[in-house]
Amino acid sequence: MIACPVSLKQTIVALCLSAAGSACAATPFVARDHVDDGVFTTGIEGPATGADGALYVVNLGKDGTIGRVDNSGKAETFLTLPEGSIGNGIRFGADGSMFIADYPRHNILKVDPVTRVVSVFAHLPGAHQPNDIALAPNGTLYASDPDWAKPDNGQLWRIDRDGSVHLLESGMGTTNGIEVSPDGRHLYVNESVQRNVWAYDLDAEGTLSNKRLLIRFDDHGMDGMRSDADGNLYIARYDAGVVAVVSPQGELLREVPLKGRKPTNVAFGGADGRQVFVTLQDRGAVETFQADRPGREYGLQHASHR
């Protein structure tokens, strides 16, 4: 891969962001605006694509809401969470149910895809503030649980399909982004303050083993992350203004420059699963770019197009 000078990258991004044309939309790894500044609050997080192809993002206009964004970038309120609840990470189950990490109330919420009724799927006793969630291919959920007041007090949880919860690890760094590999055999967790990305082996029961450092960054923080169909991690580099793409072997493959400086999370979507959406805290907006392969939740149906 030939490296592109930073100044040239920035020029290309600026042209595409200002033009917002179809040519930019088709150019891989070149970001453009999808939702304008200030539409979401600074608590913008948790992007996830639903079965209807729309993007769902927390905190549209005010905290405690879930926004639905259509393919044109138009956002509308999908639902308002119960009083006192604020969402962070979102994931969708195989039946279309929406799972939301409710950090003030230490719950994992479940939203019925037809009635939009919100219920408590699981409560995490002793949690700091459940943050991001990952859904394994077998339906098991994993949740990061940072303690922002104590950088070395992060936790990691497993939530089984029956709603039972299990504390997997404590005394970690500021646990944040979390993801499962496409084959369900590995779990990845990053620590924002410490700038580490950890890899674990996962067995069929969801037990962790063989913890190892996948990659460590020398500057800036990290937030949410997602895996593509080949197991590469797309990591929101908070305050760095990029999405880093890291291989399953821990190699930094590329950095995708953004207009905003503080990306909070990423999600795959679009017609072929290759469109990446990035939520930006400093903009209250969503940027998007095309990847060269689909997200892992889109499975092997797009394998012939890679």
Protein backbone atom coordinates (compact mmCIF):
# COMPACT_ATOMS: atom_id res chain seq x y z
CA MET A 1 0.00 0.00 0.00
CA ILE A 2 1.41 3.39 -1.03
CA ALA A 3 1.07 6.00 1.68
CA CYS A 4 -0.76 9.20 0.76
CA PRO A 5 0.75 12.41 2.22
CA VAL A 6 -1.34 13.82 5.05
CA SER A 7 -1.76 17.18 3.29
CA LEU A 8 -3.09 15.45 0.18
CA LYS A 9 -5.49 13.34 2.26
CA GLN A 10 -6.80 16.42 3.98
CA THR A 11 -7.29 18.18 0.63
CA ILE A 12 -9.23 15.22 -0.79
CA VAL A 13 -11.39 14.99 2.33
CA ALA A 14 -12.11 18.74 2.28
CA LEU A 15 -13.12 18.64 -1.39
CA CYS A 16 -15.39 15.65 -0.85
CA LEU A 17 -16.98 17.07 2.29
CA SER A 18 -17.74 20.34 0.51
CA ALA A 19 -18.92 18.73 -2.70
CA ALA A 20 -20.93 15.90 -1.11
CA GLY A 21 -21.28 14.41 -4.59
CA SER A 22 -21.79 10.88 -5.86
CA ALA A 23 -18.14 10.57 -6.90
CA CYS A 24 -17.03 11.10 -3.31
CA ALA A 25 -19.62 8.63 -2.06
CA ALA A 26 -18.13 5.98 -4.35
CA THR A 27 -14.49 6.64 -3.42
CA PRO A 28 -13.31 4.14 -0.78
CA PHE A 29 -12.10 5.52 2.55
CA VAL A 30 -12.98 9.16 1.80
CA ALA A 31 -15.32 10.67 4.39
CA ARG A 32 -18.27 12.95 3.69
CA ASP A 33 -21.13 14.35 5.76
CA HIS A 34 -24.23 12.23 6.30
CA VAL A 35 -26.00 14.14 9.12
CA ASP A 36 -25.32 17.84 9.64
CA ASP A 37 -23.76 19.55 12.64
CA GLY A 38 -25.78 19.87 15.84
CA VAL A 39 -28.58 17.46 14.93
CA PHE A 40 -27.50 15.15 17.78
CA THR A 41 -26.23 16.19 21.22
CA THR A 42 -22.62 15.85 22.34
CA GLY A 43 -23.74 12.48 23.73
CA ILE A 44 -24.03 11.12 20.17
CA GLU A 45 -23.09 7.43 20.25
CA GLY A 46 -24.17 3.89 19.57
CA PRO A 47 -24.67 3.80 15.78
CA ALA A 48 -26.16 0.55 14.50
CA THR A 49 -27.98 -0.42 11.32
CA GLY A 50 -31.41 -2.02 11.70
CA ALA A 51 -33.14 -4.60 9.55
CA ASP A 52 -34.89 -1.77 7.70
CA GLY A 53 -31.52 -0.44 6.53
CA ALA A 54 -31.79 2.75 8.60
CA LEU A 55 -29.13 3.92 11.02
CA TYR A 56 -30.05 4.25 14.69
CA VAL A 57 -28.10 6.64 16.92
CA VAL A 58 -28.63 7.78 20.51
CA ASN A 59 -29.45 11.31 21.69
CA LEU A 60 -31.20 13.05 18.82
CA GLY A 61 -31.85 16.64 19.90
CA LYS A 62 -31.80 15.75 23.58
CA ASP A 63 -30.30 12.99 25.73
CA GLY A 64 -32.49 9.96 26.36
CA THR A 65 -33.76 9.61 22.79
CA ILE A 66 -33.02 7.21 19.94
CA GLY A 67 -32.83 8.72 16.47
CA ARG A 68 -33.52 6.99 13.17
CA VAL A 69 -31.51 8.20 10.16
CA ASP A 70 -32.64 7.24 6.65
CA ASN A 71 -30.40 6.73 3.64
CA SER A 72 -30.56 10.42 2.72
CA GLY A 73 -29.31 11.47 6.16
CA LYS A 74 -32.68 12.70 7.44
CA ALA A 75 -33.01 12.09 11.19
CA GLU A 76 -36.21 11.70 13.20
CA THR A 77 -37.01 10.53 16.71
CA PHE A 78 -37.58 6.77 16.85
CA LEU A 79 -38.37 6.63 20.56
CA THR A 80 -37.74 8.26 23.91
CA LEU A 81 -36.33 6.06 26.65
CA PRO A 82 -37.93 5.82 30.12
CA GLU A 83 -37.25 8.71 32.48
CA GLY A 84 -33.69 8.57 33.83
CA SER A 85 -32.36 6.30 31.09
CA ILE A 86 -29.75 7.42 28.54
CA GLY A 87 -28.46 5.12 25.84
CA ASN A 88 -24.92 4.51 24.68
CA GLY A 89 -24.14 1.40 22.61
CA ILE A 90 -26.81 -0.15 20.35
CA ARG A 91 -26.90 -3.58 18.73
CA PHE A 92 -29.62 -5.47 16.86
CA GLY A 93 -30.50 -9.11 17.46
CA ALA A 94 -31.33 -11.64 14.75
CA ASP A 95 -35.07 -11.09 15.34
CA GLY A 96 -34.74 -7.32 14.92
CA SER A 97 -34.82 -6.52 18.64
CA MET A 98 -32.76 -3.48 19.63
CA PHE A 99 -30.41 -3.78 22.61
CA ILE A 100 -29.27 -0.55 24.27
CA ALA A 101 -26.68 0.03 27.00
CA ASP A 102 -28.44 2.31 29.51
CA TYR A 103 -25.53 3.72 31.47
CA PRO A 104 -27.25 5.78 34.24
CA ARG A 105 -29.46 2.86 35.29
CA HIS A 106 -26.86 0.12 34.67
CA ASN A 107 -29.21 -1.83 32.40
CA ILE A 108 -29.26 -3.45 29.01
CA LEU A 109 -32.58 -2.43 27.50
CA LYS A 110 -34.50 -4.33 24.84
CA VAL A 111 -36.84 -2.69 22.34
CA ASP A 112 -39.53 -4.68 20.55
CA PRO A 113 -39.07 -4.04 16.81
CA VAL A 114 -42.85 -3.87 16.15
CA THR A 115 -44.35 -2.19 19.22
CA ARG A 116 -41.26 -0.17 20.24
CA VAL A 117 -41.97 -1.17 23.84
CA VAL A 118 -38.85 -0.78 26.00
CA SER A 119 -38.07 -3.39 28.66
CA VAL A 120 -35.11 -4.23 30.88
CA PHE A 121 -33.34 -7.22 29.37
CA ALA A 122 -30.59 -7.36 32.00
CA HIS A 123 -29.40 -5.41 35.03
CA LEU A 124 -25.68 -5.20 35.78
CA PRO A 125 -25.25 -5.00 39.58
CA GLY A 126 -22.06 -3.24 40.58
CA ALA A 127 -21.58 -1.69 37.15
CA HIS A 128 -19.96 1.74 36.75
CA GLN A 129 -21.75 2.71 33.53
CA PRO A 130 -22.28 0.08 30.83
CA ASN A 131 -20.97 1.72 27.71
CA ASP A 132 -20.49 -0.14 24.42
CA ILE A 133 -21.97 -3.55 23.66
CA ALA A 134 -21.08 -6.28 21.18
CA LEU A 135 -23.34 -9.06 19.96
CA ALA A 136 -21.68 -12.40 19.21
CA PRO A 137 -22.94 -14.59 16.34
CA ASN A 138 -24.58 -16.93 18.90
CA GLY A 139 -26.62 -14.07 20.43
CA THR A 140 -24.46 -13.49 23.51
CA LEU A 141 -23.86 -9.85 24.45
CA TYR A 142 -20.65 -8.39 25.86
CA ALA A 143 -20.47 -4.98 27.53
CA SER A 144 -17.63 -2.63 28.42
CA ASP A 145 -17.96 -0.82 31.75
CA PRO A 146 -15.53 2.07 32.26
CA ASP A 147 -14.98 3.98 35.48
CA TRP A 148 -14.04 7.45 34.26
CA ALA A 149 -13.19 8.59 37.80
CA LYS A 150 -10.68 5.77 38.32
CA PRO A 151 -8.72 4.92 35.15
CA ASP A 152 -7.71 1.45 36.38
CA ASN A 153 -11.14 0.29 37.52
CA GLY A 154 -12.80 -0.77 34.26
CA GLN A 155 -14.90 -3.91 33.97
CA LEU A 156 -16.08 -6.37 31.33
CA TRP A 157 -19.43 -8.20 31.31
CA ARG A 158 -21.15 -11.05 29.48
CA ILE A 159 -24.92 -11.07 29.12
CA ASP A 160 -26.33 -14.44 28.09
CA ARG A 161 -29.38 -14.93 25.88
CA ASP A 162 -31.58 -15.50 28.92
CA GLY A 163 -30.56 -12.13 30.37
CA SER A 164 -28.25 -13.54 33.04
CA VAL A 165 -25.12 -11.46 33.64
CA HIS A 166 -21.55 -12.44 34.41
CA LEU A 167 -18.67 -10.18 35.44
CA LEU A 168 -15.75 -11.45 33.34
CA GLU A 169 -12.96 -9.12 34.43
CA SER A 170 -12.39 -6.12 36.71
CA GLY A 171 -9.41 -3.91 37.45
CA MET A 172 -8.95 -3.10 33.78
CA GLY A 173 -8.21 0.27 32.25
CA THR A 174 -10.95 2.56 30.90
CA THR A 175 -12.81 -0.14 28.97
CA ASN A 176 -14.71 1.29 26.01
CA GLY A 177 -14.93 -0.10 22.47
CA ILE A 178 -15.83 -3.80 22.28
CA GLU A 179 -16.30 -6.23 19.40
CA VAL A 180 -16.46 -9.94 18.55
CA SER A 181 -14.67 -11.52 15.59
CA PRO A 182 -16.76 -12.77 12.63
CA ASP A 183 -16.32 -16.41 13.68
CA GLY A 184 -17.24 -15.65 17.29
CA ARG A 185 -13.95 -17.05 18.60
CA HIS A 186 -12.29 -13.80 19.70
CA LEU A 187 -13.31 -10.78 21.77
CA TYR A 188 -11.66 -7.37 21.42
CA VAL A 189 -11.80 -4.65 24.07
CA ASN A 190 -10.05 -1.29 24.04
CA GLU A 191 -9.06 1.00 26.92
CA SER A 192 -9.50 4.70 26.09
CA VAL A 193 -7.07 6.27 28.55
CA GLN A 194 -4.41 3.54 28.34
CA ARG A 195 -4.72 3.32 24.51
CA ASN A 196 -4.58 -0.48 24.52
CA VAL A 197 -6.61 -2.92 22.42
CA TRP A 198 -6.84 -6.35 24.03
CA ALA A 199 -7.70 -9.64 22.30
CA TYR A 200 -9.15 -12.69 24.05
CA ASP A 201 -10.04 -16.18 22.91
CA LEU A 202 -13.72 -17.10 23.36
CA ASP A 203 -15.06 -20.62 23.82
CA ALA A 204 -18.60 -21.83 23.12
CA GLU A 205 -19.71 -20.89 26.66
CA GLY A 206 -18.34 -17.36 26.39
CA THR A 207 -15.38 -18.00 28.68
CA LEU A 208 -12.32 -15.80 28.08
CA SER A 209 -8.73 -17.00 27.84
CA ASN A 210 -5.34 -16.10 26.36
CA LYS A 211 -5.56 -12.33 26.90
CA ARG A 212 -2.99 -10.52 24.77
CA LEU A 213 -2.21 -7.00 23.58
CA LEU A 214 -3.32 -6.55 19.98
CA ILE A 215 -2.08 -2.98 19.48
CA ARG A 216 -1.26 0.11 21.51
CA PHE A 217 -1.42 3.69 20.25
CA ASP A 218 1.05 6.34 21.40
CA ASP A 219 -1.34 9.27 21.43
CA HIS A 220 -5.02 10.25 21.59
CA GLY A 221 -7.83 8.07 22.84
CA MET A 222 -10.13 5.37 21.54
CA ASP A 223 -13.87 4.88 21.61
CA GLY A 224 -16.19 2.47 19.79
CA MET A 225 -15.11 -0.09 17.22
CA ARG A 226 -16.55 -2.57 14.73
CA SER A 227 -15.21 -5.51 12.74
CA ASP A 228 -15.52 -6.05 9.01
CA ALA A 229 -16.24 -9.46 7.48
CA ASP A 230 -12.51 -10.31 7.41
CA GLY A 231 -11.98 -9.44 11.08
CA ASN A 232 -10.32 -6.05 10.63
CA LEU A 233 -11.21 -3.61 13.41
CA TYR A 234 -12.44 -0.10 12.62
CA ILE A 235 -11.58 1.96 15.70
CA ALA A 236 -12.82 5.48 16.46
CA ARG A 237 -9.68 7.41 17.50
CA TYR A 238 -11.14 10.04 19.81
CA ASP A 239 -9.45 13.47 19.46
CA ALA A 240 -7.30 12.15 16.60
CA GLY A 241 -9.92 12.80 13.95
CA VAL A 242 -9.49 9.42 12.27
CA VAL A 243 -10.86 5.90 12.11
CA ALA A 244 -7.99 3.43 12.42
CA VAL A 245 -8.27 0.10 10.59
CA VAL A 246 -6.35 -2.68 12.38
CA SER A 247 -5.88 -6.26 11.17
CA PRO A 248 -6.60 -9.30 13.38
CA GLN A 249 -2.81 -9.58 13.74
CA GLY A 250 -2.54 -6.07 15.19
CA GLU A 251 -1.18 -4.31 12.09
CA LEU A 252 -2.33 -0.74 11.48
CA LEU A 253 -3.61 -0.99 7.90
CA ARG A 254 -4.80 2.58 7.37
CA GLU A 255 -6.25 5.67 9.00
CA VAL A 256 -9.35 7.30 7.51
CA PRO A 257 -9.29 11.10 8.13
CA LEU A 258 -12.49 12.78 9.25
CA LYS A 259 -13.75 16.35 9.35
CA GLY A 260 -14.50 16.10 13.09
CA ARG A 261 -11.84 15.51 15.75
CA LYS A 262 -13.79 13.42 18.25
CA PRO A 263 -15.32 10.28 16.72
CA THR A 264 -17.23 8.26 19.31
CA ASN A 265 -18.27 5.16 17.41
CA VAL A 266 -18.61 3.45 14.05
CA ALA A 267 -21.10 1.12 12.36
CA PHE A 268 -21.44 -0.63 9.01
CA GLY A 269 -24.51 -0.36 6.78
CA GLY A 270 -25.65 0.56 3.30
CA ALA A 271 -26.99 -1.64 0.54
CA ASP A 272 -23.95 -3.95 0.50
CA GLY A 273 -22.80 -3.50 4.10
CA ARG A 274 -19.71 -1.53 3.09
CA GLN A 275 -20.87 1.93 4.14
CA VAL A 276 -19.28 3.02 7.42
CA PHE A 277 -21.02 5.57 9.63
CA VAL A 278 -19.06 7.58 12.22
CA THR A 279 -20.61 9.56 15.08
CA LEU A 280 -18.78 12.78 16.01
CA GLN A 281 -19.06 14.27 19.52
CA ASP A 282 -17.59 17.65 18.62
CA ARG A 283 -19.98 18.07 15.70
CA GLY A 284 -23.14 16.32 16.93
CA ALA A 285 -23.09 14.91 13.41
CA VAL A 286 -22.54 11.71 11.43
CA GLU A 287 -19.90 11.28 8.74
CA THR A 288 -19.73 8.33 6.36
CA PHE A 289 -17.31 6.60 4.00
CA GLN A 290 -17.16 3.46 1.88
CA ALA A 291 -15.02 0.51 3.01
CA ASP A 292 -13.61 -2.17 0.73
CA ARG A 293 -15.54 -4.99 2.42
CA PRO A 294 -18.75 -5.33 4.44
CA GLY A 295 -19.17 -5.32 8.18
CA ARG A 296 -19.11 -8.67 9.92
CA GLU A 297 -22.84 -8.69 10.71
CA TYR A 298 -23.57 -8.79 6.99
CA GLY A 299 -22.04 -12.28 6.86
CA LEU A 300 -20.81 -14.01 3.75
CA GLN A 301 -23.62 -12.92 1.45
CA HIS A 302 -21.36 -10.19 0.05
CA ALA A 303 -18.24 -12.35 -0.21
CA SER A 304 -18.38 -12.47 -3.99
CA HIS A 305 -18.10 -8.66 -4.10
CA ARG A 306 -14.94 -8.32 -2.00
